[in-house]
Amino acid sequence: MQNPRILIIEDEPLAASRLKGLILEILPQAQVLAIVDSIEASVVWLQNHYSDLIFMDVQLADGLCFDIFKQVDIKVPVIFTTAYDAYALKAFRVQALDYLLKPMKRHEVKEALDRFQKLIPPVPDLDQVRDIYAGEPVPEFRQRYLVRLGTAIRVIEIPDIALIYTESKNTFLLTKEGRRFPVDYSLEAMESQLDPTLFFRANRQYILALNAIRQMFVHTKSRVKVQTDPPAPSQIIVSTEKSAQFKRWLAGNDESV
């Protein structure tokens, strides 16, 4: 798998940060979609999102992680992490790919990720893919997102999104009403989920909705400066590499779509 999507369930911030660093050091192409710290938050996340692999701490602040399996049908591999080995047998009864004892060593995390990679079937030849999907309906894009602010959960419909952006390593979406909500996906993951005729990745920080664009200006080095409604939290500049594609997208004839 070229870009495995990984969820970390861990209630110790330092341990979670270290594990994320090890994962991205070993698999730079991986996407750590989210870090959640409780059974309750894990259930909410898993009911509304999908990952390819889960690193799961056994003992969480609100109980043992095995309660998650009672509420959610988890069908992806799970690598359990814990400071104790008392739960190993129970772990291997519920989708366990591996069981790592804390403090985790780099080579142990690598071995577990290597084992995960071996589970993934080889990517078929491009011509085979075209033959398989010839005549198939166009894939459906995301219709809505569930967002959480404190204890409140809200549904955001795709047409209500004006901008998606990163800030301090977190991802946010900005609605047309000007309200900001954190989301658990990376910008890369959301780019793949959205209809490319309606949304454009302007640069490393921003994804723009077509109907949020209000004004555009020629900028230095063939770049394009974009103003949106509601206003973005910082200046949006379409990079030199993407400016030509951006203009084709605006005209409705982007060859990449």
C-alpha atoms as a PDB file:
ATOM      1  CA  MET A   1       0.000   0.000   0.000  1.00  0.00           C
ATOM      2  CA  GLN A   2       1.511   3.292  -1.115  1.00  0.00           C
ATOM      3  CA  ASN A   3      -0.123   5.615   1.428  1.00  0.00           C
ATOM      4  CA  PRO A   4      -1.497   3.609   4.359  1.00  0.00           C
ATOM      5  CA  ARG A   5      -3.988   5.489   6.517  1.00  0.00           C
ATOM      6  CA  ILE A   6      -3.314   4.926  10.203  1.00  0.00           C
ATOM      7  CA  LEU A   7      -5.296   5.673  13.352  1.00  0.00           C
ATOM      8  CA  ILE A   8      -3.549   5.910  16.742  1.00  0.00           C
ATOM      9  CA  ILE A   9      -5.603   5.233  19.884  1.00  0.00           C
ATOM     10  CA  GLU A  10      -3.438   6.326  22.813  1.00  0.00           C
ATOM     11  CA  ASP A  11      -4.207   8.363  25.944  1.00  0.00           C
ATOM     12  CA  GLU A  12      -0.621   9.350  26.779  1.00  0.00           C
ATOM     13  CA  PRO A  13       0.327  12.404  24.661  1.00  0.00           C
ATOM     14  CA  LEU A  14       4.082  11.737  24.794  1.00  0.00           C
ATOM     15  CA  ALA A  15       3.647   8.085  23.828  1.00  0.00           C
ATOM     16  CA  ALA A  16       1.275   9.040  21.011  1.00  0.00           C
ATOM     17  CA  SER A  17       3.677  11.676  19.691  1.00  0.00           C
ATOM     18  CA  ARG A  18       6.618   9.279  19.801  1.00  0.00           C
ATOM     19  CA  LEU A  19       4.648   6.526  18.062  1.00  0.00           C
ATOM     20  CA  LYS A  20       3.512   8.910  15.324  1.00  0.00           C
ATOM     21  CA  GLY A  21       7.120  10.000  14.818  1.00  0.00           C
ATOM     22  CA  LEU A  22       8.311   6.401  14.544  1.00  0.00           C
ATOM     23  CA  ILE A  23       5.571   5.521  12.045  1.00  0.00           C
ATOM     24  CA  LEU A  24       6.374   8.475   9.778  1.00  0.00           C
ATOM     25  CA  GLU A  25      10.109   7.830  10.091  1.00  0.00           C
ATOM     26  CA  ILE A  26       9.653   4.203   9.023  1.00  0.00           C
ATOM     27  CA  LEU A  27       6.867   4.862   6.490  1.00  0.00           C
ATOM     28  CA  PRO A  28       7.159   8.501   5.338  1.00  0.00           C
ATOM     29  CA  GLN A  29       4.307   7.959   2.898  1.00  0.00           C
ATOM     30  CA  ALA A  30       1.892   6.942   5.668  1.00  0.00           C
ATOM     31  CA  GLN A  31      -0.965   9.210   6.755  1.00  0.00           C
ATOM     32  CA  VAL A  32      -1.629   9.370  10.482  1.00  0.00           C
ATOM     33  CA  LEU A  33      -5.266  10.417  10.243  1.00  0.00           C
ATOM     34  CA  ALA A  34      -5.910  11.039  13.922  1.00  0.00           C
ATOM     35  CA  ILE A  35      -4.861  10.411  17.507  1.00  0.00           C
ATOM     36  CA  VAL A  36      -7.779   9.659  19.859  1.00  0.00           C
ATOM     37  CA  ASP A  37      -7.434   9.093  23.577  1.00  0.00           C
ATOM     38  CA  SER A  38     -10.497   7.272  24.894  1.00  0.00           C
ATOM     39  CA  ILE A  39     -12.995   4.502  24.211  1.00  0.00           C
ATOM     40  CA  GLU A  40     -15.775   7.035  23.637  1.00  0.00           C
ATOM     41  CA  ALA A  41     -13.760   9.119  21.166  1.00  0.00           C
ATOM     42  CA  SER A  42     -12.530   5.986  19.381  1.00  0.00           C
ATOM     43  CA  VAL A  43     -16.071   4.697  18.861  1.00  0.00           C
ATOM     44  CA  VAL A  44     -17.206   8.050  17.436  1.00  0.00           C
ATOM     45  CA  TRP A  45     -14.186   8.241  15.119  1.00  0.00           C
ATOM     46  CA  LEU A  46     -14.501   4.647  13.892  1.00  0.00           C
ATOM     47  CA  GLN A  47     -18.216   5.017  13.214  1.00  0.00           C
ATOM     48  CA  ASN A  48     -17.547   7.937  10.879  1.00  0.00           C
ATOM     49  CA  HIS A  49     -14.107   7.321   9.371  1.00  0.00           C
ATOM     50  CA  TYR A  50     -11.979   4.587   7.880  1.00  0.00           C
ATOM     51  CA  SER A  51      -8.335   3.665   8.275  1.00  0.00           C
ATOM     52  CA  ASP A  52      -6.154   0.855   6.938  1.00  0.00           C
ATOM     53  CA  LEU A  53      -4.425   0.099  10.241  1.00  0.00           C
ATOM     54  CA  ILE A  54      -4.928   0.913  13.930  1.00  0.00           C
ATOM     55  CA  PHE A  55      -2.330   1.235  16.686  1.00  0.00           C
ATOM     56  CA  MET A  56      -4.366   0.709  19.862  1.00  0.00           C
ATOM     57  CA  ASP A  57      -3.291   1.195  23.480  1.00  0.00           C
ATOM     58  CA  VAL A  58      -4.900  -1.479  25.677  1.00  0.00           C
ATOM     59  CA  GLN A  59      -5.454   0.603  28.790  1.00  0.00           C
ATOM     60  CA  LEU A  60      -7.206   3.899  28.081  1.00  0.00           C
ATOM     61  CA  ALA A  61      -8.380   6.586  30.455  1.00  0.00           C
ATOM     62  CA  ASP A  62     -11.982   5.324  30.420  1.00  0.00           C
ATOM     63  CA  GLY A  63     -11.316   1.577  30.404  1.00  0.00           C
ATOM     64  CA  LEU A  64      -9.841  -1.276  28.395  1.00  0.00           C
ATOM     65  CA  CYS A  65      -9.771  -0.901  24.626  1.00  0.00           C
ATOM     66  CA  PHE A  66     -11.596  -4.212  24.148  1.00  0.00           C
ATOM     67  CA  ASP A  67     -14.840  -2.353  24.893  1.00  0.00           C
ATOM     68  CA  ILE A  68     -14.376  -0.613  21.535  1.00  0.00           C
ATOM     69  CA  PHE A  69     -14.846  -3.949  19.756  1.00  0.00           C
ATOM     70  CA  LYS A  70     -18.198  -4.393  21.508  1.00  0.00           C
ATOM     71  CA  GLN A  71     -19.483  -1.181  19.908  1.00  0.00           C
ATOM     72  CA  VAL A  72     -17.750  -1.087  16.516  1.00  0.00           C
ATOM     73  CA  ASP A  73     -17.142  -3.818  13.949  1.00  0.00           C
ATOM     74  CA  ILE A  74     -13.414  -3.318  13.304  1.00  0.00           C
ATOM     75  CA  LYS A  75     -12.309  -5.077  10.123  1.00  0.00           C
ATOM     76  CA  VAL A  76      -8.791  -3.677   9.717  1.00  0.00           C
ATOM     77  CA  PRO A  77      -5.578  -4.965  11.349  1.00  0.00           C
ATOM     78  CA  VAL A  78      -4.823  -3.754  14.868  1.00  0.00           C
ATOM     79  CA  ILE A  79      -1.409  -3.432  16.506  1.00  0.00           C
ATOM     80  CA  PHE A  80      -1.898  -3.366  20.269  1.00  0.00           C
ATOM     81  CA  THR A  81       0.435  -1.400  22.528  1.00  0.00           C
ATOM     82  CA  THR A  82       0.665  -1.680  26.299  1.00  0.00           C
ATOM     83  CA  ALA A  83       3.019  -1.575  29.253  1.00  0.00           C
ATOM     84  CA  TYR A  84       1.785  -5.008  30.355  1.00  0.00           C
ATOM     85  CA  ASP A  85       1.641  -8.416  28.666  1.00  0.00           C
ATOM     86  CA  ALA A  86      -1.366  -9.667  30.619  1.00  0.00           C
ATOM     87  CA  TYR A  87      -3.772  -8.916  27.776  1.00  0.00           C
ATOM     88  CA  ALA A  88      -1.849 -10.554  24.937  1.00  0.00           C
ATOM     89  CA  LEU A  89      -4.130 -13.580  24.577  1.00  0.00           C
ATOM     90  CA  LYS A  90      -7.253 -11.434  24.580  1.00  0.00           C
ATOM     91  CA  ALA A  91      -5.701  -9.106  22.008  1.00  0.00           C
ATOM     92  CA  PHE A  92      -5.055 -11.901  19.546  1.00  0.00           C
ATOM     93  CA  ARG A  93      -8.697 -12.881  19.717  1.00  0.00           C
ATOM     94  CA  VAL A  94      -9.807  -9.532  18.319  1.00  0.00           C
ATOM     95  CA  GLN A  95      -8.056  -8.739  15.031  1.00  0.00           C
ATOM     96  CA  ALA A  96      -4.538  -8.408  16.476  1.00  0.00           C
ATOM     97  CA  LEU A  97      -1.737  -8.118  13.954  1.00  0.00           C
ATOM     98  CA  ASP A  98       0.886  -7.604  16.651  1.00  0.00           C
ATOM     99  CA  TYR A  99       1.281  -6.829  20.355  1.00  0.00           C
ATOM    100  CA  LEU A 100       4.009  -4.365  21.338  1.00  0.00           C
ATOM    101  CA  LEU A 101       5.190  -3.711  24.873  1.00  0.00           C
ATOM    102  CA  LYS A 102       6.028  -0.170  25.953  1.00  0.00           C
ATOM    103  CA  PRO A 103       8.433   1.478  25.699  1.00  0.00           C
ATOM    104  CA  MET A 104       8.308   0.464  22.048  1.00  0.00           C
ATOM    105  CA  LYS A 105      11.564   0.053  20.182  1.00  0.00           C
ATOM    106  CA  ARG A 106      11.968   1.290  16.628  1.00  0.00           C
ATOM    107  CA  HIS A 107      12.816  -2.135  15.214  1.00  0.00           C
ATOM    108  CA  GLU A 108       9.681  -3.612  16.818  1.00  0.00           C
ATOM    109  CA  VAL A 109       7.450  -0.957  15.264  1.00  0.00           C
ATOM    110  CA  LYS A 110       9.182  -1.519  11.923  1.00  0.00           C
ATOM    111  CA  GLU A 111       8.651  -5.287  12.117  1.00  0.00           C
ATOM    112  CA  ALA A 112       4.967  -4.739  12.875  1.00  0.00           C
ATOM    113  CA  LEU A 113       4.591  -2.320   9.947  1.00  0.00           C
ATOM    114  CA  ASP A 114       6.468  -4.735   7.668  1.00  0.00           C
ATOM    115  CA  ARG A 115       4.019  -7.444   8.698  1.00  0.00           C
ATOM    116  CA  PHE A 116       1.138  -5.116   7.858  1.00  0.00           C
ATOM    117  CA  GLN A 117       2.642  -4.289   4.456  1.00  0.00           C
ATOM    118  CA  LYS A 118       2.862  -7.979   3.609  1.00  0.00           C
ATOM    119  CA  LEU A 119      -0.884  -8.315   4.155  1.00  0.00           C
ATOM    120  CA  ILE A 120      -1.587  -5.900   1.293  1.00  0.00           C
ATOM    121  CA  PRO A 121      -1.963  -7.514  -2.144  1.00  0.00           C
ATOM    122  CA  PRO A 122       0.314  -6.204  -4.923  1.00  0.00           C
ATOM    123  CA  VAL A 123      -0.922  -3.288  -6.984  1.00  0.00           C
ATOM    124  CA  PRO A 124      -2.295  -4.590 -10.317  1.00  0.00           C
ATOM    125  CA  ASP A 125      -1.010  -3.418 -13.669  1.00  0.00           C
ATOM    126  CA  LEU A 126      -2.586  -0.126 -14.801  1.00  0.00           C
ATOM    127  CA  ASP A 127      -4.020  -1.750 -17.932  1.00  0.00           C
ATOM    128  CA  GLN A 128      -5.638  -4.422 -15.771  1.00  0.00           C
ATOM    129  CA  VAL A 129      -7.207  -1.756 -13.601  1.00  0.00           C
ATOM    130  CA  ARG A 130      -8.638  -0.009 -16.661  1.00  0.00           C
ATOM    131  CA  ASP A 131     -10.083  -3.296 -17.920  1.00  0.00           C
ATOM    132  CA  ILE A 132     -11.616  -4.117 -14.561  1.00  0.00           C
ATOM    133  CA  TYR A 133     -13.268  -0.732 -14.131  1.00  0.00           C
ATOM    134  CA  ALA A 134     -14.227  -0.098 -17.755  1.00  0.00           C
ATOM    135  CA  GLY A 135     -17.874   0.792 -17.838  1.00  0.00           C
ATOM    136  CA  GLU A 136     -18.171   0.979 -14.057  1.00  0.00           C
ATOM    137  CA  PRO A 137     -19.997   3.947 -12.502  1.00  0.00           C
ATOM    138  CA  VAL A 138     -17.926   6.944 -11.423  1.00  0.00           C
ATOM    139  CA  PRO A 139     -16.816   6.620  -7.778  1.00  0.00           C
ATOM    140  CA  GLU A 140     -18.920   8.594  -5.323  1.00  0.00           C
ATOM    141  CA  PHE A 141     -17.246  11.430  -3.467  1.00  0.00           C
ATOM    142  CA  ARG A 142     -17.798  12.438   0.128  1.00  0.00           C
ATOM    143  CA  GLN A 143     -21.242  13.908   0.826  1.00  0.00           C
ATOM    144  CA  ARG A 144     -20.753  15.221   4.363  1.00  0.00           C
ATOM    145  CA  TYR A 145     -18.450  15.249   7.388  1.00  0.00           C
ATOM    146  CA  LEU A 146     -19.146  14.780  11.064  1.00  0.00           C
ATOM    147  CA  VAL A 147     -17.275  17.311  13.192  1.00  0.00           C
ATOM    148  CA  ARG A 148     -16.953  17.551  16.931  1.00  0.00           C
ATOM    149  CA  LEU A 149     -16.620  20.573  19.206  1.00  0.00           C
ATOM    150  CA  GLY A 150     -16.408  19.537  22.829  1.00  0.00           C
ATOM    151  CA  THR A 151     -19.319  17.202  23.433  1.00  0.00           C
ATOM    152  CA  ALA A 152     -21.332  18.513  20.470  1.00  0.00           C
ATOM    153  CA  ILE A 153     -21.374  16.666  17.135  1.00  0.00           C
ATOM    154  CA  ARG A 154     -22.449  18.418  13.946  1.00  0.00           C
ATOM    155  CA  VAL A 155     -22.972  17.366  10.325  1.00  0.00           C
ATOM    156  CA  ILE A 156     -21.322  19.583   7.695  1.00  0.00           C
ATOM    157  CA  GLU A 157     -22.633  19.096   4.160  1.00  0.00           C
ATOM    158  CA  ILE A 158     -20.066  19.367   1.368  1.00  0.00           C
ATOM    159  CA  PRO A 159     -21.794  22.353  -0.344  1.00  0.00           C
ATOM    160  CA  ASP A 160     -21.425  24.275   2.945  1.00  0.00           C
ATOM    161  CA  ILE A 161     -17.609  24.019   2.931  1.00  0.00           C
ATOM    162  CA  ALA A 162     -15.681  27.081   1.737  1.00  0.00           C
ATOM    163  CA  LEU A 163     -12.113  26.156   2.680  1.00  0.00           C
ATOM    164  CA  ILE A 164     -10.075  23.317   4.148  1.00  0.00           C
ATOM    165  CA  TYR A 165      -6.682  24.177   5.562  1.00  0.00           C
ATOM    166  CA  THR A 166      -3.912  23.183   7.932  1.00  0.00           C
ATOM    167  CA  GLU A 167      -2.750  25.210  10.900  1.00  0.00           C
ATOM    168  CA  SER A 168      -0.227  24.124  13.552  1.00  0.00           C
ATOM    169  CA  LYS A 169      -0.297  20.565  12.112  1.00  0.00           C
ATOM    170  CA  ASN A 170      -4.089  20.352  12.514  1.00  0.00           C
ATOM    171  CA  THR A 171      -6.726  20.297   9.770  1.00  0.00           C
ATOM    172  CA  PHE A 172      -9.760  22.590   9.789  1.00  0.00           C
ATOM    173  CA  LEU A 173     -12.707  23.237   7.527  1.00  0.00           C
ATOM    174  CA  LEU A 174     -14.268  26.690   7.215  1.00  0.00           C
ATOM    175  CA  THR A 175     -17.967  26.867   6.364  1.00  0.00           C
ATOM    176  CA  LYS A 176     -19.616  29.494   4.204  1.00  0.00           C
ATOM    177  CA  GLU A 177     -21.016  30.941   7.431  1.00  0.00           C
ATOM    178  CA  GLY A 178     -17.432  31.580   8.550  1.00  0.00           C
ATOM    179  CA  ARG A 179     -17.422  28.911  11.265  1.00  0.00           C
ATOM    180  CA  ARG A 180     -14.275  26.832  11.784  1.00  0.00           C
ATOM    181  CA  PHE A 181     -14.307  23.147  12.758  1.00  0.00           C
ATOM    182  CA  PRO A 182     -11.427  20.712  13.360  1.00  0.00           C
ATOM    183  CA  VAL A 183     -11.461  17.472  11.354  1.00  0.00           C
ATOM    184  CA  ASP A 184      -9.590  14.218  11.896  1.00  0.00           C
ATOM    185  CA  TYR A 185      -8.377  13.840   8.305  1.00  0.00           C
ATOM    186  CA  SER A 186      -5.150  15.086   6.788  1.00  0.00           C
ATOM    187  CA  LEU A 187      -5.360  17.558   3.922  1.00  0.00           C
ATOM    188  CA  GLU A 188      -4.144  14.806   1.572  1.00  0.00           C
ATOM    189  CA  ALA A 189      -6.908  12.449   2.693  1.00  0.00           C
ATOM    190  CA  MET A 190      -9.616  15.082   2.254  1.00  0.00           C
ATOM    191  CA  GLU A 191      -8.307  16.014  -1.185  1.00  0.00           C
ATOM    192  CA  SER A 192      -8.900  12.418  -2.311  1.00  0.00           C
ATOM    193  CA  GLN A 193     -12.421  12.372  -0.817  1.00  0.00           C
ATOM    194  CA  LEU A 194     -13.756  15.512  -2.495  1.00  0.00           C
ATOM    195  CA  ASP A 195     -15.066  16.058  -6.019  1.00  0.00           C
ATOM    196  CA  PRO A 196     -12.120  17.605  -7.943  1.00  0.00           C
ATOM    197  CA  THR A 197     -14.518  19.613 -10.108  1.00  0.00           C
ATOM    198  CA  LEU A 198     -15.626  21.501  -6.986  1.00  0.00           C
ATOM    199  CA  PHE A 199     -12.451  21.618  -4.891  1.00  0.00           C
ATOM    200  CA  PHE A 200      -8.841  22.471  -5.753  1.00  0.00           C
ATOM    201  CA  ARG A 201      -5.620  21.956  -3.780  1.00  0.00           C
ATOM    202  CA  ALA A 202      -4.066  25.405  -4.110  1.00  0.00           C
ATOM    203  CA  ASN A 203      -0.894  24.683  -2.135  1.00  0.00           C
ATOM    204  CA  ARG A 204       0.354  22.714   0.837  1.00  0.00           C
ATOM    205  CA  GLN A 205      -1.961  24.553   3.223  1.00  0.00           C
ATOM    206  CA  TYR A 206      -5.251  25.120   1.384  1.00  0.00           C
ATOM    207  CA  ILE A 207      -8.030  23.327  -0.502  1.00  0.00           C
ATOM    208  CA  LEU A 208     -10.465  25.786  -2.097  1.00  0.00           C
ATOM    209  CA  ALA A 209     -14.145  25.372  -2.904  1.00  0.00           C
ATOM    210  CA  LEU A 210     -14.965  26.784  -6.326  1.00  0.00           C
ATOM    211  CA  ASN A 211     -17.977  28.759  -5.107  1.00  0.00           C
ATOM    212  CA  ALA A 212     -15.975  30.353  -2.273  1.00  0.00           C
ATOM    213  CA  ILE A 213     -13.636  32.194  -4.663  1.00  0.00           C
ATOM    214  CA  ARG A 214     -14.473  35.908  -4.925  1.00  0.00           C
ATOM    215  CA  GLN A 215     -11.433  37.592  -6.503  1.00  0.00           C
ATOM    216  CA  MET A 216      -8.127  36.566  -8.084  1.00  0.00           C
ATOM    217  CA  PHE A 217      -5.010  38.575  -8.861  1.00  0.00           C
ATOM    218  CA  VAL A 218      -1.820  37.963 -10.804  1.00  0.00           C
ATOM    219  CA  HIS A 219       1.018  37.467  -8.321  1.00  0.00           C
ATOM    220  CA  THR A 220       4.787  37.195  -8.677  1.00  0.00           C
ATOM    221  CA  LYS A 221       6.434  34.276 -10.514  1.00  0.00           C
ATOM    222  CA  SER A 222       3.225  33.418 -12.421  1.00  0.00           C
ATOM    223  CA  ARG A 223       1.405  32.656  -9.197  1.00  0.00           C
ATOM    224  CA  VAL A 224      -2.223  33.551  -8.474  1.00  0.00           C
ATOM    225  CA  LYS A 225      -3.466  35.291  -5.343  1.00  0.00           C
ATOM    226  CA  VAL A 226      -6.967  34.211  -4.327  1.00  0.00           C
ATOM    227  CA  GLN A 227      -9.464  35.978  -2.083  1.00  0.00           C
ATOM    228  CA  THR A 228     -12.393  34.004  -0.711  1.00  0.00           C
ATOM    229  CA  ASP A 229     -15.696  34.595   1.019  1.00  0.00           C
ATOM    230  CA  PRO A 230     -15.503  34.038   3.921  1.00  0.00           C
ATOM    231  CA  PRO A 231     -11.901  35.288   4.122  1.00  0.00           C
ATOM    232  CA  ALA A 232      -9.156  32.729   4.687  1.00  0.00           C
ATOM    233  CA  PRO A 233      -7.143  32.976   7.928  1.00  0.00           C
ATOM    234  CA  SER A 234      -4.017  33.719   5.871  1.00  0.00           C
ATOM    235  CA  GLN A 235      -3.102  34.723   2.332  1.00  0.00           C
ATOM    236  CA  ILE A 236      -3.835  32.082  -0.334  1.00  0.00           C
ATOM    237  CA  ILE A 237      -1.306  31.895  -3.143  1.00  0.00           C
ATOM    238  CA  VAL A 238      -1.629  29.233  -5.830  1.00  0.00           C
ATOM    239  CA  SER A 239       1.879  27.911  -6.367  1.00  0.00           C
ATOM    240  CA  THR A 240       3.779  28.367  -9.619  1.00  0.00           C
ATOM    241  CA  GLU A 241       3.605  24.623 -10.268  1.00  0.00           C
ATOM    242  CA  LYS A 242      -0.185  24.609  -9.951  1.00  0.00           C
ATOM    243  CA  SER A 243      -1.170  27.932 -11.495  1.00  0.00           C
ATOM    244  CA  ALA A 244      -1.713  26.557 -15.019  1.00  0.00           C
ATOM    245  CA  GLN A 245      -3.755  23.625 -13.682  1.00  0.00           C
ATOM    246  CA  PHE A 246      -5.707  26.049 -11.500  1.00  0.00           C
ATOM    247  CA  LYS A 247      -6.688  28.170 -14.513  1.00  0.00           C
ATOM    248  CA  ARG A 248      -7.799  25.051 -16.415  1.00  0.00           C
ATOM    249  CA  TRP A 249      -9.833  23.992 -13.374  1.00  0.00           C
ATOM    250  CA  LEU A 250     -11.529  27.385 -13.232  1.00  0.00           C
ATOM    251  CA  ALA A 251     -12.408  27.038 -16.908  1.00  0.00           C
ATOM    252  CA  GLY A 252     -13.836  23.578 -16.307  1.00  0.00           C
ATOM    253  CA  ASN A 253     -11.350  21.674 -18.475  1.00  0.00           C
ATOM    254  CA  ASP A 254      -8.752  20.446 -15.973  1.00  0.00           C
ATOM    255  CA  GLU A 255      -7.223  17.374 -17.594  1.00  0.00           C
ATOM    256  CA  SER A 256      -6.446  15.894 -14.157  1.00  0.00           C
ATOM    257  CA  VAL A 257     -10.149  15.712 -13.246  1.00  0.00           C
END
